[in-house]
């Protein structure tokens, strides 16, 4: 009887040790190869240059998070939009967007929206992922950009729908309007 008790106690101790060891490692269900691929993607894109040796993407840091940033590539002449309004975190914005992961898999798009207008997504800016707040607050009405959002400024180690944990997000976004510069009172 005593031997059986020691055997059961040993099995319990072994199981507890294995459980504790797994808790000290990566998050449960973490896909480390996907995380590493996303880390490498952002490093590659940040260093990417065009034929003239100029950086393709501009790193935009945020003031409220020393580690927060996005990479942006504008598709329009910014001198033509620089006098237009730029949103603040509490602004209601109208955007057209498409988002995919680094493998090019489409994840979402405003092109399916019919309200408030065709292809428009209307939202209060700070009710979105941090990467959107960083990117859109650096855009003016009429700007069109490709925005690379690192996973720590998106959904981080959490999955959301078809977006896997540790997914960097690639947005093609156009800021169409700012129907509410400040968030309306409720």
Protein backbone atom coordinates (compact mmCIF):
# COMPACT_ATOMS: atom_id res chain seq x y z
CA UNK A 1 0.00 0.00 0.00
CA UNK A 2 2.82 2.36 0.93
CA UNK A 3 4.57 1.60 -2.40
CA UNK A 4 1.38 2.43 -4.32
CA UNK A 5 1.06 5.70 -2.44
CA UNK A 6 4.69 6.62 -3.29
CA UNK A 7 4.11 5.67 -6.92
CA UNK A 8 0.98 7.86 -7.16
CA UNK A 9 2.79 10.75 -5.44
CA UNK A 10 5.71 10.36 -7.88
CA UNK A 11 3.38 10.42 -10.90
CA UNK A 12 1.63 13.54 -9.57
CA UNK A 13 4.99 15.26 -8.95
CA UNK A 14 6.16 14.36 -12.47
CA UNK A 15 2.95 15.71 -14.01
CA UNK A 16 3.19 18.92 -11.97
CA UNK A 17 6.83 19.41 -13.05
CA UNK A 18 5.91 18.88 -16.71
CA UNK A 19 3.03 21.32 -16.39
CA UNK A 20 5.20 23.95 -14.71
CA UNK A 21 7.93 23.54 -17.33
CA UNK A 22 5.43 24.06 -20.15
CA UNK A 23 4.08 27.16 -18.38
CA UNK A 24 7.55 28.65 -18.19
CA UNK A 25 8.06 28.23 -21.93
CA UNK A 26 6.07 29.77 -24.75
CA UNK A 27 2.36 30.40 -24.57
CA UNK A 28 0.14 27.33 -25.06
CA UNK A 29 -0.47 26.68 -28.72
CA UNK A 30 2.17 29.22 -29.81
CA UNK A 31 3.45 28.66 -33.33
CA UNK A 32 7.07 29.73 -32.91
CA UNK A 33 7.92 29.22 -36.58
CA UNK A 34 5.07 31.60 -37.53
CA UNK A 35 6.26 34.13 -34.96
CA UNK A 36 9.84 33.92 -36.25
CA UNK A 37 8.64 34.28 -39.85
CA UNK A 38 6.69 37.43 -38.90
CA UNK A 39 9.69 38.89 -37.02
CA UNK A 40 11.92 38.26 -40.06
CA UNK A 41 9.33 39.81 -42.40
CA UNK A 42 9.24 43.09 -40.48
CA UNK A 43 13.04 43.28 -40.32
CA UNK A 44 13.28 42.63 -44.06
CA UNK A 45 10.65 45.24 -44.93
CA UNK A 46 12.19 47.85 -42.66
CA UNK A 47 15.49 47.47 -44.51
CA UNK A 48 13.98 47.27 -48.02
CA UNK A 49 15.21 49.90 -50.49
CA UNK A 50 14.15 50.96 -53.97
CA UNK A 51 16.36 51.21 -57.08
CA UNK A 52 17.70 54.58 -55.87
CA UNK A 53 18.71 53.17 -52.48
CA UNK A 54 15.89 54.96 -50.65
CA UNK A 55 13.96 53.14 -47.94
CA UNK A 56 10.60 51.88 -49.24
CA UNK A 57 8.87 52.05 -45.86
CA UNK A 58 8.98 54.82 -43.28
CA UNK A 59 9.09 53.73 -39.65
CA UNK A 60 6.48 55.66 -37.67
CA UNK A 61 7.01 55.47 -33.91
CA UNK A 62 4.29 56.29 -31.44
CA UNK A 63 4.63 58.70 -28.52
CA UNK A 64 2.69 56.67 -25.95
CA UNK A 65 4.54 53.35 -26.38
CA UNK A 66 8.34 53.43 -26.77
CA UNK A 67 8.26 50.04 -28.55
CA UNK A 68 5.24 50.83 -30.71
CA UNK A 69 5.71 51.45 -34.41
CA UNK A 70 4.35 50.72 -37.87
CA UNK A 71 5.97 50.80 -41.30
CA UNK A 72 4.23 52.97 -43.91
CA UNK A 73 4.57 53.42 -47.66
CA UNK A 74 2.53 56.28 -49.13
CA UNK A 75 1.06 55.82 -52.62
CA UNK A 76 0.17 59.47 -53.19
CA UNK A 77 1.99 62.77 -53.33
CA UNK A 78 1.84 63.82 -49.67
CA UNK A 79 2.40 67.47 -50.55
CA UNK A 80 -1.09 67.44 -52.11
CA UNK A 81 -2.75 66.20 -48.91
CA UNK A 82 -0.57 67.86 -46.25
CA UNK A 83 -3.07 70.70 -45.70
CA UNK A 84 -5.96 68.28 -45.21
CA UNK A 85 -7.19 67.30 -41.76
CA UNK A 86 -5.41 64.46 -39.91
CA UNK A 87 -7.36 62.48 -37.31
CA UNK A 88 -6.60 62.27 -33.61
CA UNK A 89 -7.18 59.15 -31.53
CA UNK A 90 -10.78 60.09 -30.68
CA UNK A 91 -11.76 61.03 -34.24
CA UNK A 92 -14.40 59.15 -36.21
CA UNK A 93 -12.79 58.19 -39.51
CA UNK A 94 -14.00 56.82 -42.83
CA UNK A 95 -11.52 54.51 -44.51
CA UNK A 96 -11.34 52.01 -47.31
CA UNK A 97 -9.07 49.10 -46.49
CA UNK A 98 -7.94 45.60 -47.30
CA UNK A 99 -5.87 43.51 -44.87
CA UNK A 100 -3.84 40.37 -45.41
CA UNK A 101 -1.18 38.43 -43.53
CA UNK A 102 2.47 38.28 -44.62
CA UNK A 103 1.74 35.26 -46.85
CA UNK A 104 -0.81 37.33 -48.79
CA UNK A 105 -3.87 35.58 -47.35
CA UNK A 106 -6.78 38.05 -47.38
CA UNK A 107 -8.22 38.47 -43.89
CA UNK A 108 -10.75 41.29 -44.17
CA UNK A 109 -11.83 44.16 -46.39
CA UNK A 110 -14.14 47.14 -46.29
CA UNK A 111 -15.11 46.47 -49.92
CA UNK A 112 -18.01 44.35 -48.67
CA UNK A 113 -19.50 47.25 -46.68
CA UNK A 114 -22.56 49.10 -47.91
CA UNK A 115 -23.07 51.40 -44.92
CA UNK A 116 -22.41 54.18 -44.18
CA UNK A 117 -21.40 54.22 -47.87
CA UNK A 118 -20.08 51.80 -50.47
CA UNK A 119 -16.79 50.22 -49.29
CA UNK A 120 -16.46 52.58 -46.30
CA UNK A 121 -15.55 51.44 -42.81
CA UNK A 122 -16.49 54.07 -40.22
CA UNK A 123 -14.96 53.81 -36.78
CA UNK A 124 -13.67 55.79 -33.84
CA UNK A 125 -9.94 55.49 -34.32
CA UNK A 126 -8.94 54.48 -30.79
CA UNK A 127 -11.42 51.57 -30.83
CA UNK A 128 -9.11 49.67 -33.17
CA UNK A 129 -5.74 47.97 -32.86
CA UNK A 130 -2.85 50.20 -31.80
CA UNK A 131 -1.19 49.95 -35.21
CA UNK A 132 -4.21 51.61 -36.83
CA UNK A 133 -4.11 54.47 -34.35
CA UNK A 134 -0.41 55.02 -35.09
CA UNK A 135 -0.86 54.82 -38.87
CA UNK A 136 -4.06 56.79 -39.34
CA UNK A 137 -3.05 59.58 -36.98
CA UNK A 138 -0.08 60.11 -39.33
CA UNK A 139 -2.28 60.32 -42.43
CA UNK A 140 -4.28 63.19 -43.92
CA UNK A 141 -7.60 62.94 -45.75
CA UNK A 142 -6.83 61.60 -49.22
CA UNK A 143 -3.69 59.70 -48.23
CA UNK A 144 -3.36 56.14 -49.46
CA UNK A 145 -0.81 53.83 -47.83
CA UNK A 146 0.41 50.33 -47.35
CA UNK A 147 0.82 49.90 -43.60
CA UNK A 148 2.75 47.05 -42.03
CA UNK A 149 1.65 46.50 -38.46
CA UNK A 150 3.81 44.24 -36.28
CA UNK A 151 1.90 41.68 -34.25
CA UNK A 152 2.60 43.46 -30.95
CA UNK A 153 0.64 46.47 -32.30
CA UNK A 154 -2.11 44.19 -33.66
CA UNK A 155 -3.49 41.15 -31.82
CA UNK A 156 -0.21 39.98 -30.28
CA UNK A 157 -0.27 36.45 -28.97
CA UNK A 158 -4.04 36.19 -29.44
CA UNK A 159 -5.87 34.80 -32.45
CA UNK A 160 -8.87 36.65 -33.81
CA UNK A 161 -11.04 34.90 -36.37
CA UNK A 162 -8.77 33.90 -39.26
CA UNK A 163 -5.88 35.93 -37.85
CA UNK A 164 -3.38 33.65 -36.16
CA UNK A 165 -1.44 34.63 -33.05
CA UNK A 166 1.77 36.57 -33.79
CA UNK A 167 0.49 37.78 -37.16
CA UNK A 168 1.92 40.93 -38.65
CA UNK A 169 -0.81 42.63 -40.67
CA UNK A 170 -0.46 44.24 -44.10
CA UNK A 171 -3.08 46.93 -44.71
CA UNK A 172 -3.80 48.83 -47.88
CA UNK A 173 -5.73 51.79 -46.54
CA UNK A 174 -7.10 55.09 -47.79
CA UNK A 175 -8.31 57.79 -45.40
CA UNK A 176 -11.47 59.03 -47.10
CA UNK A 177 -12.84 61.40 -44.48
CA UNK A 178 -13.16 62.43 -40.85
CA UNK A 179 -16.88 62.82 -40.17
CA UNK A 180 -16.23 63.45 -36.47
CA UNK A 181 -12.97 65.06 -35.46
CA UNK A 182 -13.72 64.26 -31.80
CA UNK A 183 -15.66 61.26 -30.61
CA UNK A 184 -19.30 62.29 -30.20
CA UNK A 185 -20.74 62.36 -26.68
CA UNK A 186 -23.19 59.58 -25.87
